Amino acid sequence: REEAMDAAKSATAEVFEQSAACGAERAGMMECLPERAVFAALLLAPLLLGMCVAYATRGAVLGWYQQVRKPWFTPPDFAFGPVWVSLYLCMGYASYLVYEATVRANKAVPVVCVALYVLQLALNNAWSLIFFNARLWRAALIEICALWIVIAACAAAFARVNASAGALMLPYLAFVSVAGGINAGVLRMNPEFADGHKDNRANKKKE
């Protein structure tokens, strides 16, 4: 009987231990869920916003942009999509690295990092609307210069928190430099199209 009692106690103890282990595992999974949600949100937010703006400007990209003269270093049209997807994912991951580093240090994310990151996103998407939809190339050139400065400041602010986060912003800065050059080249090479003017040559042909 004593052996049976000992066996029963041992079995009961094992059941409790397994239940406690399962409970701890479930608690860990629940703690991971918010972290994964934050990771997904920060990673995908720039990409989703960029896709919305790309959809809004697709008519201009497939329309007048195909007709204007462009500088020699302009990438082929098919390259822009993959490049921007990669850049948006890089900046999204950079923002997550900053968030992760500050959380691990039990600190709040620096306000300057948040402000510069949100500002560069706003300027980035505004440039597309100004350049493509409004066709205000002079205003777009000024705006993209401001964007370049904000991205550089954001990369520096990120690097103070996490070196990898700052480095991930550098390809984005480089490509915005190329986009600024394209903006300037299109403005210089196509004065008849500038600031929303219609194609004067096309009108002359019709006459």
N, C-alpha and C. Protein backbone atom coordinates (compact mmCIF):
# COMPACT_ATOMS: atom_id res chain seq x y z
N ARG A 1 0.82 -1.21 0.00
CA ARG A 1 0.00 0.00 0.00
C ARG A 1 0.86 1.27 0.00
N GLU A 2 1.93 1.23 0.83
CA GLU A 2 2.81 2.39 0.88
C GLU A 2 3.46 2.65 -0.48
N GLU A 3 3.84 1.54 -1.15
CA GLU A 3 4.42 1.71 -2.48
C GLU A 3 3.42 2.30 -3.45
N ALA A 4 2.16 1.87 -3.35
CA ALA A 4 1.12 2.40 -4.21
C ALA A 4 0.88 3.88 -3.94
N MET A 5 0.92 4.26 -2.62
CA MET A 5 0.74 5.67 -2.26
C MET A 5 1.88 6.52 -2.80
N ASP A 6 3.12 5.99 -2.68
CA ASP A 6 4.28 6.72 -3.19
C ASP A 6 4.20 6.90 -4.70
N ALA A 7 3.76 5.83 -5.39
CA ALA A 7 3.62 5.91 -6.85
C ALA A 7 2.58 6.93 -7.24
N ALA A 8 1.48 6.96 -6.49
CA ALA A 8 0.41 7.93 -6.78
C ALA A 8 0.89 9.35 -6.56
N LYS A 9 1.63 9.55 -5.46
CA LYS A 9 2.16 10.89 -5.19
C LYS A 9 3.14 11.32 -6.27
N SER A 10 3.99 10.36 -6.69
CA SER A 10 4.96 10.68 -7.74
C SER A 10 4.28 11.04 -9.04
N ALA A 11 3.23 10.29 -9.40
CA ALA A 11 2.49 10.58 -10.63
C ALA A 11 1.80 11.94 -10.54
N THR A 12 1.24 12.23 -9.37
CA THR A 12 0.57 13.52 -9.19
C THR A 12 1.57 14.68 -9.31
N ALA A 13 2.75 14.49 -8.73
CA ALA A 13 3.78 15.53 -8.80
C ALA A 13 4.21 15.77 -10.25
N GLU A 14 4.35 14.69 -11.02
CA GLU A 14 4.73 14.83 -12.42
C GLU A 14 3.68 15.59 -13.21
N VAL A 15 2.40 15.30 -12.91
CA VAL A 15 1.31 16.00 -13.59
C VAL A 15 1.37 17.49 -13.30
N PHE A 16 1.61 17.83 -12.03
CA PHE A 16 1.68 19.25 -11.65
C PHE A 16 2.88 19.93 -12.32
N GLU A 17 4.01 19.22 -12.37
CA GLU A 17 5.19 19.78 -13.00
C GLU A 17 4.96 20.03 -14.49
N GLN A 18 4.32 19.07 -15.16
CA GLN A 18 4.02 19.23 -16.58
C GLN A 18 3.06 20.39 -16.80
N SER A 19 2.06 20.51 -15.89
CA SER A 19 1.09 21.60 -16.02
C SER A 19 1.78 22.94 -15.84
N ALA A 20 2.69 23.00 -14.87
CA ALA A 20 3.42 24.25 -14.64
C ALA A 20 4.30 24.59 -15.83
N ALA A 21 4.95 23.57 -16.40
CA ALA A 21 5.81 23.81 -17.58
C ALA A 21 4.98 24.30 -18.75
N CYS A 22 3.82 23.68 -18.97
CA CYS A 22 2.94 24.10 -20.06
C CYS A 22 2.46 25.53 -19.83
N GLY A 23 2.14 25.84 -18.57
CA GLY A 23 1.68 27.20 -18.27
C GLY A 23 2.76 28.23 -18.54
N ALA A 24 3.99 27.91 -18.17
CA ALA A 24 5.11 28.83 -18.42
C ALA A 24 5.35 29.00 -19.91
N GLU A 25 5.23 27.87 -20.64
CA GLU A 25 5.42 27.93 -22.09
C GLU A 25 4.36 28.80 -22.74
N ARG A 26 3.11 28.63 -22.29
CA ARG A 26 2.03 29.45 -22.85
C ARG A 26 2.21 30.92 -22.52
N ALA A 27 2.68 31.19 -21.29
CA ALA A 27 2.93 32.58 -20.90
C ALA A 27 4.02 33.19 -21.77
N GLY A 28 5.07 32.40 -22.05
CA GLY A 28 6.13 32.88 -22.92
C GLY A 28 5.63 33.17 -24.32
N MET A 29 4.76 32.30 -24.81
CA MET A 29 4.19 32.52 -26.13
C MET A 29 3.34 33.79 -26.16
N MET A 30 2.58 34.02 -25.08
CA MET A 30 1.76 35.22 -25.02
C MET A 30 2.62 36.48 -24.97
N GLU A 31 3.77 36.38 -24.28
CA GLU A 31 4.67 37.52 -24.24
C GLU A 31 5.29 37.77 -25.59
N CYS A 32 5.52 36.72 -26.37
CA CYS A 32 6.14 36.86 -27.70
C CYS A 32 5.18 37.48 -28.70
N LEU A 33 3.88 37.25 -28.50
CA LEU A 33 2.91 37.74 -29.48
C LEU A 33 2.97 39.25 -29.66
N PRO A 34 2.94 40.06 -28.59
CA PRO A 34 3.04 41.51 -28.78
C PRO A 34 4.34 41.91 -29.46
N GLU A 35 5.44 41.25 -29.11
CA GLU A 35 6.74 41.56 -29.71
C GLU A 35 6.72 41.29 -31.21
N ARG A 36 6.11 40.18 -31.60
CA ARG A 36 6.01 39.85 -33.03
C ARG A 36 5.10 40.83 -33.74
N ALA A 37 4.04 41.26 -33.06
CA ALA A 37 3.13 42.23 -33.67
C ALA A 37 3.84 43.57 -33.90
N VAL A 38 4.65 43.98 -32.93
CA VAL A 38 5.41 45.23 -33.07
C VAL A 38 6.40 45.10 -34.22
N PHE A 39 7.08 43.96 -34.28
CA PHE A 39 8.05 43.73 -35.36
C PHE A 39 7.38 43.82 -36.72
N ALA A 40 6.24 43.14 -36.88
CA ALA A 40 5.52 43.15 -38.16
C ALA A 40 5.03 44.54 -38.50
N ALA A 41 4.52 45.26 -37.51
CA ALA A 41 3.98 46.59 -37.76
C ALA A 41 5.08 47.55 -38.20
N LEU A 42 6.20 47.55 -37.48
CA LEU A 42 7.30 48.46 -37.82
C LEU A 42 7.96 48.09 -39.14
N LEU A 43 8.06 46.80 -39.42
CA LEU A 43 8.69 46.35 -40.66
C LEU A 43 7.85 46.70 -41.88
N LEU A 44 6.54 46.49 -41.78
CA LEU A 44 5.68 46.60 -42.96
C LEU A 44 5.04 47.98 -43.15
N ALA A 45 5.00 48.80 -42.10
CA ALA A 45 4.33 50.10 -42.21
C ALA A 45 4.88 50.96 -43.35
N PRO A 46 6.20 51.15 -43.49
CA PRO A 46 6.70 51.96 -44.60
C PRO A 46 6.35 51.37 -45.96
N LEU A 47 6.42 50.05 -46.07
CA LEU A 47 6.11 49.39 -47.34
C LEU A 47 4.65 49.59 -47.73
N LEU A 48 3.75 49.40 -46.79
CA LEU A 48 2.32 49.56 -47.09
C LEU A 48 1.99 51.00 -47.46
N LEU A 49 2.59 51.94 -46.75
CA LEU A 49 2.36 53.35 -47.08
C LEU A 49 2.90 53.68 -48.46
N GLY A 50 4.08 53.17 -48.77
CA GLY A 50 4.67 53.39 -50.09
C GLY A 50 3.83 52.77 -51.20
N MET A 51 3.24 51.61 -50.94
CA MET A 51 2.40 50.96 -51.94
C MET A 51 1.15 51.80 -52.22
N CYS A 52 0.60 52.40 -51.18
CA CYS A 52 -0.58 53.26 -51.37
C CYS A 52 -0.25 54.46 -52.25
N VAL A 53 0.91 55.08 -52.00
CA VAL A 53 1.31 56.23 -52.80
C VAL A 53 1.66 55.81 -54.22
N ALA A 54 2.29 54.65 -54.37
CA ALA A 54 2.60 54.14 -55.71
C ALA A 54 1.32 53.92 -56.51
N TYR A 55 0.29 53.42 -55.85
CA TYR A 55 -1.00 53.23 -56.52
C TYR A 55 -1.60 54.56 -56.94
N ALA A 56 -1.44 55.58 -56.08
CA ALA A 56 -2.01 56.89 -56.38
C ALA A 56 -1.28 57.59 -57.52
N THR A 57 0.00 57.26 -57.73
CA THR A 57 0.79 57.94 -58.76
C THR A 57 0.99 57.09 -60.02
N ARG A 58 0.38 55.92 -60.08
CA ARG A 58 0.66 55.00 -61.19
C ARG A 58 0.28 55.61 -62.54
N GLY A 59 -0.79 56.41 -62.58
CA GLY A 59 -1.22 57.01 -63.84
C GLY A 59 -0.17 57.94 -64.41
N ALA A 60 0.43 58.77 -63.56
CA ALA A 60 1.47 59.70 -64.00
C ALA A 60 2.74 58.95 -64.39
N VAL A 61 3.07 57.92 -63.63
CA VAL A 61 4.29 57.14 -63.92
C VAL A 61 4.18 56.47 -65.29
N LEU A 62 3.00 55.96 -65.61
CA LEU A 62 2.79 55.28 -66.89
C LEU A 62 2.41 56.26 -67.99
N GLY A 63 2.18 57.51 -67.63
CA GLY A 63 1.75 58.51 -68.60
C GLY A 63 2.86 59.45 -69.01
N TRP A 64 2.82 60.69 -68.49
CA TRP A 64 3.76 61.70 -68.93
C TRP A 64 5.22 61.36 -68.62
N TYR A 65 5.45 60.60 -67.53
CA TYR A 65 6.82 60.29 -67.15
C TYR A 65 7.54 59.48 -68.23
N GLN A 66 6.78 58.71 -69.00
CA GLN A 66 7.37 57.92 -70.07
C GLN A 66 7.77 58.78 -71.27
N GLN A 67 7.22 59.98 -71.36
CA GLN A 67 7.46 60.84 -72.52
C GLN A 67 8.60 61.83 -72.33
N VAL A 68 8.92 62.17 -71.10
CA VAL A 68 9.92 63.21 -70.86
C VAL A 68 11.33 62.67 -70.99
N ARG A 69 12.26 63.58 -71.24
CA ARG A 69 13.68 63.21 -71.31
C ARG A 69 14.21 63.10 -69.88
N LYS A 70 15.08 62.12 -69.68
CA LYS A 70 15.63 61.85 -68.35
C LYS A 70 17.15 61.78 -68.42
N PRO A 71 17.82 62.03 -67.30
CA PRO A 71 19.29 61.93 -67.29
C PRO A 71 19.76 60.50 -67.54
N TRP A 72 20.99 60.37 -67.97
CA TRP A 72 21.52 59.08 -68.40
C TRP A 72 21.57 58.05 -67.28
N PHE A 73 21.67 58.51 -66.02
CA PHE A 73 21.82 57.56 -64.90
C PHE A 73 20.48 57.09 -64.35
N THR A 74 19.38 57.46 -65.01
CA THR A 74 18.06 57.01 -64.54
C THR A 74 17.95 55.49 -64.66
N PRO A 75 17.62 54.78 -63.58
CA PRO A 75 17.47 53.32 -63.66
C PRO A 75 16.29 52.94 -64.55
N PRO A 76 16.29 51.73 -65.11
CA PRO A 76 15.13 51.28 -65.90
C PRO A 76 13.89 51.18 -65.01
N ASP A 77 12.73 51.32 -65.62
CA ASP A 77 11.48 51.35 -64.86
C ASP A 77 11.28 50.10 -63.99
N PHE A 78 11.69 48.94 -64.53
CA PHE A 78 11.44 47.70 -63.79
C PHE A 78 12.26 47.61 -62.51
N ALA A 79 13.30 48.44 -62.37
CA ALA A 79 14.16 48.37 -61.20
C ALA A 79 13.57 49.11 -60.00
N PHE A 80 12.71 50.09 -60.25
CA PHE A 80 12.23 50.93 -59.16
C PHE A 80 11.42 50.13 -58.12
N GLY A 81 10.56 49.24 -58.58
CA GLY A 81 9.73 48.47 -57.66
C GLY A 81 10.54 47.66 -56.66
N PRO A 82 11.41 46.75 -57.14
CA PRO A 82 12.22 45.95 -56.20
C PRO A 82 13.11 46.79 -55.31
N VAL A 83 13.67 47.88 -55.87
CA VAL A 83 14.56 48.73 -55.06
C VAL A 83 13.78 49.37 -53.91
N TRP A 84 12.62 49.94 -54.21
CA TRP A 84 11.86 50.61 -53.17
C TRP A 84 11.32 49.63 -52.13
N VAL A 85 10.94 48.44 -52.57
CA VAL A 85 10.50 47.42 -51.60
C VAL A 85 11.64 47.12 -50.63
N SER A 86 12.84 46.93 -51.16
CA SER A 86 14.00 46.64 -50.31
C SER A 86 14.30 47.80 -49.35
N LEU A 87 14.21 49.02 -49.87
CA LEU A 87 14.52 50.18 -49.03
C LEU A 87 13.48 50.37 -47.93
N TYR A 88 12.21 50.16 -48.27
CA TYR A 88 11.16 50.29 -47.25
C TYR A 88 11.32 49.23 -46.15
N LEU A 89 11.67 48.03 -46.54
CA LEU A 89 11.88 46.98 -45.55
C LEU A 89 13.11 47.27 -44.69
N CYS A 90 14.15 47.84 -45.30
CA CYS A 90 15.35 48.19 -44.54
C CYS A 90 15.04 49.26 -43.50
N MET A 91 14.31 50.30 -43.92
CA MET A 91 14.01 51.36 -42.96
C MET A 91 13.06 50.87 -41.88
N GLY A 92 12.13 49.98 -42.25
CA GLY A 92 11.23 49.41 -41.26
C GLY A 92 11.98 48.57 -40.24
N TYR A 93 12.92 47.77 -40.70
CA TYR A 93 13.72 46.94 -39.79
C TYR A 93 14.62 47.82 -38.92
N ALA A 94 15.13 48.90 -39.51
CA ALA A 94 15.94 49.83 -38.73
C ALA A 94 15.15 50.42 -37.57
N SER A 95 13.90 50.78 -37.84
CA SER A 95 13.06 51.34 -36.77
C SER A 95 12.82 50.30 -35.68
N TYR A 96 12.68 49.02 -36.08
CA TYR A 96 12.49 47.97 -35.08
C TYR A 96 13.74 47.79 -34.23
N LEU A 97 14.91 47.86 -34.84
CA LEU A 97 16.16 47.72 -34.08
C LEU A 97 16.29 48.82 -33.03
N VAL A 98 15.88 50.02 -33.39
CA VAL A 98 15.91 51.13 -32.43
C VAL A 98 14.94 50.84 -31.28
N TYR A 99 13.75 50.39 -31.64
CA TYR A 99 12.75 50.05 -30.62
C TYR A 99 13.26 48.95 -29.70
N GLU A 100 13.82 47.90 -30.29
CA GLU A 100 14.30 46.75 -29.51
C GLU A 100 15.43 47.16 -28.57
N ALA A 101 16.35 47.97 -29.07
CA ALA A 101 17.49 48.39 -28.26
C ALA A 101 17.06 49.21 -27.06
N THR A 102 16.09 50.08 -27.27
CA THR A 102 15.64 50.92 -26.15
C THR A 102 14.81 50.12 -25.15
N VAL A 103 14.01 49.18 -25.63
CA VAL A 103 13.22 48.35 -24.72
C VAL A 103 14.13 47.49 -23.86
N ARG A 104 15.15 46.91 -24.46
CA ARG A 104 16.08 46.07 -23.69
C ARG A 104 16.82 46.88 -22.63
N ALA A 105 17.05 48.15 -22.93
CA ALA A 105 17.73 49.01 -21.97
C ALA A 105 16.76 49.65 -20.98
N ASN A 106 15.49 49.24 -21.07
CA ASN A 106 14.44 49.79 -20.19
C ASN A 106 14.34 51.32 -20.31
N LYS A 107 14.44 51.78 -21.54
CA LYS A 107 14.33 53.21 -21.82
C LYS A 107 13.22 53.44 -22.83
N ALA A 108 12.79 54.68 -22.93
CA ALA A 108 11.82 55.05 -23.95
C ALA A 108 12.56 55.35 -25.26
N VAL A 109 11.89 55.10 -26.37
CA VAL A 109 12.49 55.42 -27.67
C VAL A 109 12.71 56.93 -27.73
N PRO A 110 13.92 57.38 -28.09
CA PRO A 110 14.18 58.83 -28.14
C PRO A 110 13.18 59.55 -29.05
N VAL A 111 12.68 60.66 -28.56
CA VAL A 111 11.69 61.43 -29.32
C VAL A 111 12.26 61.89 -30.66
N VAL A 112 13.55 62.22 -30.67
CA VAL A 112 14.16 62.71 -31.91
C VAL A 112 14.15 61.62 -32.98
N CYS A 113 14.34 60.35 -32.58
CA CYS A 113 14.30 59.25 -33.54
C CYS A 113 12.90 59.10 -34.13
N VAL A 114 11.89 59.15 -33.27
CA VAL A 114 10.51 59.01 -33.74
C VAL A 114 10.15 60.17 -34.66
N ALA A 115 10.49 61.39 -34.25
CA ALA A 115 10.12 62.58 -35.02
C ALA A 115 10.78 62.57 -36.40
N LEU A 116 12.07 62.29 -36.44
CA LEU A 116 12.78 62.28 -37.73
C LEU A 116 12.31 61.15 -38.63
N TYR A 117 12.02 60.01 -38.03
CA TYR A 117 11.56 58.85 -38.82
C TYR A 117 10.20 59.14 -39.46
N VAL A 118 9.28 59.66 -38.66
CA VAL A 118 7.94 59.99 -39.19
C VAL A 118 8.03 61.10 -40.22
N LEU A 119 8.88 62.08 -39.97
CA LEU A 119 9.02 63.21 -40.91
C LEU A 119 9.58 62.76 -42.24
N GLN A 120 10.59 61.88 -42.22
CA GLN A 120 11.15 61.43 -43.50
C GLN A 120 10.15 60.57 -44.27
N LEU A 121 9.33 59.80 -43.56
CA LEU A 121 8.29 59.04 -44.26
C LEU A 121 7.29 59.96 -44.93
N ALA A 122 6.89 61.02 -44.22
CA ALA A 122 5.93 61.97 -44.77
C ALA A 122 6.52 62.69 -45.99
N LEU A 123 7.76 63.13 -45.88
CA LEU A 123 8.41 63.83 -47.00
C LEU A 123 8.62 62.90 -48.18
N ASN A 124 8.98 61.65 -47.91
CA ASN A 124 9.19 60.67 -48.97
C ASN A 124 7.95 60.51 -49.82
N ASN A 125 6.83 60.27 -49.17
CA ASN A 125 5.60 60.03 -49.92
C ASN A 125 5.03 61.30 -50.53
N ALA A 126 5.26 62.44 -49.86
CA ALA A 126 4.80 63.71 -50.42
C ALA A 126 5.55 64.04 -51.70
N TRP A 127 6.84 63.68 -51.76
CA TRP A 127 7.61 63.97 -52.97
C TRP A 127 7.00 63.30 -54.19
N SER A 128 6.58 62.06 -54.06
CA SER A 128 5.99 61.34 -55.19
C SER A 128 4.75 62.06 -55.71
N LEU A 129 3.93 62.53 -54.78
CA LEU A 129 2.70 63.22 -55.18
C LEU A 129 3.01 64.57 -55.82
N ILE A 130 4.01 65.26 -55.29
CA ILE A 130 4.38 66.57 -55.86
C ILE A 130 5.02 66.41 -57.23
N PHE A 131 5.93 65.45 -57.35
CA PHE A 131 6.66 65.27 -58.60
C PHE A 131 5.79 64.66 -59.69
N PHE A 132 5.09 63.59 -59.38
CA PHE A 132 4.33 62.87 -60.41
C PHE A 132 2.92 63.45 -60.63
N ASN A 133 2.15 63.54 -59.58
CA ASN A 133 0.75 63.95 -59.76
C ASN A 133 0.61 65.45 -60.01
N ALA A 134 1.30 66.27 -59.20
CA ALA A 134 1.19 67.72 -59.37
C ALA A 134 2.12 68.25 -60.46
N ARG A 135 3.19 67.50 -60.75
CA ARG A 135 4.19 67.90 -61.75
C ARG A 135 4.79 69.25 -61.42
N LEU A 136 4.98 69.51 -60.14
CA LEU A 136 5.66 70.73 -59.68
C LEU A 136 7.11 70.35 -59.38
N TRP A 137 7.90 70.29 -60.44
CA TRP A 137 9.25 69.73 -60.32
C TRP A 137 10.19 70.61 -59.51
N ARG A 138 10.02 71.93 -59.59
CA ARG A 138 10.86 72.82 -58.78
C ARG A 138 10.57 72.62 -57.29
N ALA A 139 9.29 72.59 -56.96
CA ALA A 139 8.91 72.35 -55.56
C ALA A 139 9.37 70.97 -55.11
N ALA A 140 9.26 69.98 -56.01
CA ALA A 140 9.68 68.61 -55.67
C ALA A 140 11.19 68.56 -55.42
N LEU A 141 11.96 69.34 -56.18
CA LEU A 141 13.41 69.35 -56.00
C LEU A 141 13.78 69.93 -54.64
N ILE A 142 13.12 71.00 -54.26
CA ILE A 142 13.36 71.58 -52.93
C ILE A 142 12.96 70.59 -51.84
N GLU A 143 11.83 69.94 -52.06
CA GLU A 143 11.32 68.99 -51.06
C GLU A 143 12.24 67.79 -50.90
N ILE A 144 12.80 67.29 -52.00
CA ILE A 144 13.65 66.11 -51.89
C ILE A 144 15.01 66.46 -51.27
N CYS A 145 15.43 67.71 -51.41
CA CYS A 145 16.64 68.15 -50.71
C CYS A 145 16.39 68.15 -49.20
N ALA A 146 15.20 68.62 -48.81
CA ALA A 146 14.84 68.57 -47.39
C ALA A 146 14.74 67.13 -46.91
N LEU A 147 14.19 66.26 -47.74
CA LEU A 147 14.09 64.83 -47.41
C LEU A 147 15.47 64.24 -47.17
N TRP A 148 16.43 64.58 -48.02
CA TRP A 148 17.80 64.05 -47.90
C TRP A 148 18.39 64.44 -46.55
N ILE A 149 18.20 65.69 -46.17
CA ILE A 149 18.74 66.17 -44.90
C ILE A 149 18.11 65.43 -43.72
N VAL A 150 16.79 65.23 -43.79
CA VAL A 150 16.08 64.56 -42.69
C VAL A 150 16.51 63.10 -42.59
N ILE A 151 16.68 62.43 -43.75
CA ILE A 151 17.13 61.03 -43.72
C ILE A 151 18.52 60.93 -43.10
N ALA A 152 19.41 61.84 -43.48
CA ALA A 152 20.77 61.83 -42.90
C ALA A 152 20.71 62.03 -41.40
N ALA A 153 19.87 62.96 -40.96
CA ALA A 153 19.73 63.20 -39.51
C ALA A 153 19.12 61.99 -38.81
N CYS A 154 18.15 61.35 -39.46
CA CYS A 154 17.51 60.16 -38.90
C CYS A 154 18.51 59.02 -38.78
N ALA A 155 19.33 58.82 -39.81
CA ALA A 155 20.35 57.76 -39.77
C ALA A 155 21.33 58.01 -38.64
N ALA A 156 21.72 59.27 -38.43
CA ALA A 156 22.65 59.60 -37.35
C ALA A 156 22.00 59.35 -35.99
N ALA A 157 20.73 59.73 -35.86
CA ALA A 157 20.01 59.51 -34.59
C ALA A 157 19.84 58.02 -34.30
N PHE A 158 19.52 57.25 -35.34
CA PHE A 158 19.39 55.80 -35.19
C PHE A 158 20.72 55.18 -34.77
N ALA A 159 21.81 55.65 -35.38
CA ALA A 159 23.13 55.06 -35.12
C ALA A 159 23.55 55.27 -33.67
N ARG A 160 23.09 56.34 -33.03
CA ARG A 160 23.42 56.56 -31.63
C ARG A 160 22.77 55.52 -30.73
N VAL A 161 21.65 54.96 -31.20
CA VAL A 161 20.94 53.94 -30.42
C VAL A 161 21.41 52.54 -30.81
N ASN A 162 21.54 52.32 -32.13
CA ASN A 162 21.94 51.01 -32.66
C ASN A 162 22.69 51.24 -33.96
N ALA A 163 23.93 50.81 -34.02
CA ALA A 163 24.77 51.07 -35.20
C ALA A 163 24.19 50.44 -36.46
N SER A 164 23.65 49.24 -36.34
CA SER A 164 23.07 48.57 -37.51
C SER A 164 21.86 49.32 -38.04
N ALA A 165 21.07 49.90 -37.15
CA ALA A 165 19.90 50.67 -37.57
C ALA A 165 20.32 51.88 -38.40
N GLY A 166 21.36 52.55 -37.96
CA GLY A 166 21.86 53.68 -38.72
C GLY A 166 22.38 53.26 -40.09
N ALA A 167 23.10 52.13 -40.13
CA ALA A 167 23.65 51.65 -41.40
C ALA A 167 22.56 51.26 -42.38
N LEU A 168 21.46 50.72 -41.88
CA LEU A 168 20.36 50.31 -42.76
C LEU A 168 19.69 51.48 -43.46
N MET A 169 19.88 52.69 -42.95
CA MET A 169 19.28 53.87 -43.58
C MET A 169 20.15 54.43 -44.70
N LEU A 170 21.40 53.98 -44.80
CA LEU A 170 22.32 54.54 -45.78
C LEU A 170 21.98 54.20 -47.24
N PRO A 171 21.56 52.95 -47.56
CA PRO A 171 21.14 52.69 -48.95
C PRO A 171 19.96 53.56 -49.36
N TYR A 172 19.07 53.80 -48.45
CA TYR A 172 17.92 54.69 -48.69
C TYR A 172 18.40 56.10 -49.00
N LEU A 173 19.36 56.59 -48.23
CA LEU A 173 19.91 57.92 -48.47
C LEU A 173 20.58 58.00 -49.83
N ALA A 174 21.29 56.93 -50.20
CA ALA A 174 21.97 56.91 -51.50
C ALA A 174 20.97 56.94 -52.66
N PHE A 175 19.88 56.19 -52.53
CA PHE A 175 18.93 56.14 -53.64
C PHE A 175 18.13 57.44 -53.74
N VAL A 176 17.87 58.07 -52.60
CA VAL A 176 17.21 59.38 -52.64
C VAL A 176 18.12 60.40 -53.32
N SER A 177 19.42 60.24 -53.18
CA SER A 177 20.37 61.10 -53.90
C SER A 177 20.19 60.92 -55.41
N VAL A 178 20.03 59.66 -55.83
CA VAL A 178 19.79 59.39 -57.25
C VAL A 178 18.46 60.00 -57.70
N ALA A 179 17.42 59.83 -56.88
CA ALA A 179 16.11 60.39 -57.22
C ALA A 179 16.18 61.91 -57.31
N GLY A 180 16.95 62.53 -56.44
CA GLY A 180 17.11 63.98 -56.51
C GLY A 180 17.80 64.39 -57.80
N GLY A 181 18.79 63.61 -58.23
CA GLY A 181 19.45 63.89 -59.49
C GLY A 181 18.52 63.74 -60.68
N ILE A 182 17.66 62.73 -60.63
CA ILE A 182 16.66 62.54 -61.69
C ILE A 182 15.70 63.71 -61.72
N ASN A 183 15.25 64.15 -60.54
CA ASN A 183 14.35 65.29 -60.45
C ASN A 183 14.98 66.53 -61.09
N ALA A 184 16.23 66.80 -60.73
CA ALA A 184 16.92 67.96 -61.29
C ALA A 184 17.12 67.81 -62.78
N GLY A 185 17.47 66.60 -63.24
CA GLY A 185 17.68 66.38 -64.67
C GLY A 185 16.41 66.53 -65.48
N VAL A 186 15.31 65.99 -64.99
CA VAL A 186 14.03 66.11 -65.70
C VAL A 186 13.62 67.58 -65.78
N LEU A 187 13.82 68.33 -64.71
CA LEU A 187 13.48 69.75 -64.71
C LEU A 187 14.32 70.52 -65.72
N ARG A 188 15.60 70.22 -65.77
CA ARG A 188 16.50 70.94 -66.69
C ARG A 188 16.27 70.55 -68.15
N MET A 189 15.98 69.28 -68.40
CA MET A 189 15.88 68.79 -69.77
C MET A 189 14.50 68.94 -70.39
N ASN A 190 13.51 69.25 -69.56
CA ASN A 190 12.13 69.34 -70.07
C ASN A 190 11.44 70.60 -69.55
N PRO A 191 11.96 71.79 -69.89
CA PRO A 191 11.35 73.02 -69.37
C PRO A 191 9.91 73.21 -69.84
N GLU A 192 9.57 72.64 -71.00
CA GLU A 192 8.20 72.81 -71.52
C GLU A 192 7.17 72.03 -70.72
N PHE A 193 7.64 71.06 -69.94
CA PHE A 193 6.73 70.26 -69.12
C PHE A 193 6.67 70.75 -67.66
N ALA A 194 7.58 71.63 -67.30
CA ALA A 194 7.76 71.97 -65.89
C ALA A 194 6.54 72.64 -65.27
N ASP A 195 6.38 72.43 -63.97
CA ASP A 195 5.34 73.08 -63.17
C ASP A 195 3.94 72.86 -63.72
N GLY A 196 3.68 71.66 -64.21
CA GLY A 196 2.33 71.29 -64.60
C GLY A 196 1.93 71.74 -65.99
N HIS A 197 2.85 72.36 -66.75
CA HIS A 197 2.49 72.79 -68.10
C HIS A 197 2.28 71.60 -69.00
N LYS A 198 1.39 71.73 -69.96
CA LYS A 198 1.12 70.64 -70.90
C LYS A 198 2.22 70.58 -71.94
N ASP A 199 2.23 69.53 -72.69
CA ASP A 199 3.25 69.31 -73.71
C ASP A 199 2.98 70.26 -74.87
N ASN A 200 3.78 71.34 -74.97
CA ASN A 200 3.59 72.33 -76.03
C ASN A 200 3.86 71.74 -77.40
N ARG A 201 4.80 70.82 -77.47
CA ARG A 201 5.12 70.21 -78.76
C ARG A 201 3.95 69.39 -79.28
N ALA A 202 3.28 68.69 -78.38
CA ALA A 202 2.13 67.90 -78.80
C ALA A 202 1.02 68.81 -79.32
N ASN A 203 0.84 69.98 -78.68
CA ASN A 203 -0.19 70.91 -79.12
C ASN A 203 0.13 71.47 -80.49
N LYS A 204 1.44 71.74 -80.74
CA LYS A 204 1.84 72.26 -82.04
C LYS A 204 1.59 71.24 -83.14
N LYS A 205 1.83 69.96 -82.84
CA LYS A 205 1.61 68.91 -83.83
C LYS A 205 0.15 68.83 -84.21
N LYS A 206 -0.72 68.98 -83.19
CA LYS A 206 -2.14 68.92 -83.48
C LYS A 206 -2.58 70.05 -84.39
N GLU A 207 -1.94 71.26 -84.19
CA GLU A 207 -2.27 72.39 -85.05
C GLU A 207 -1.81 72.15 -86.48
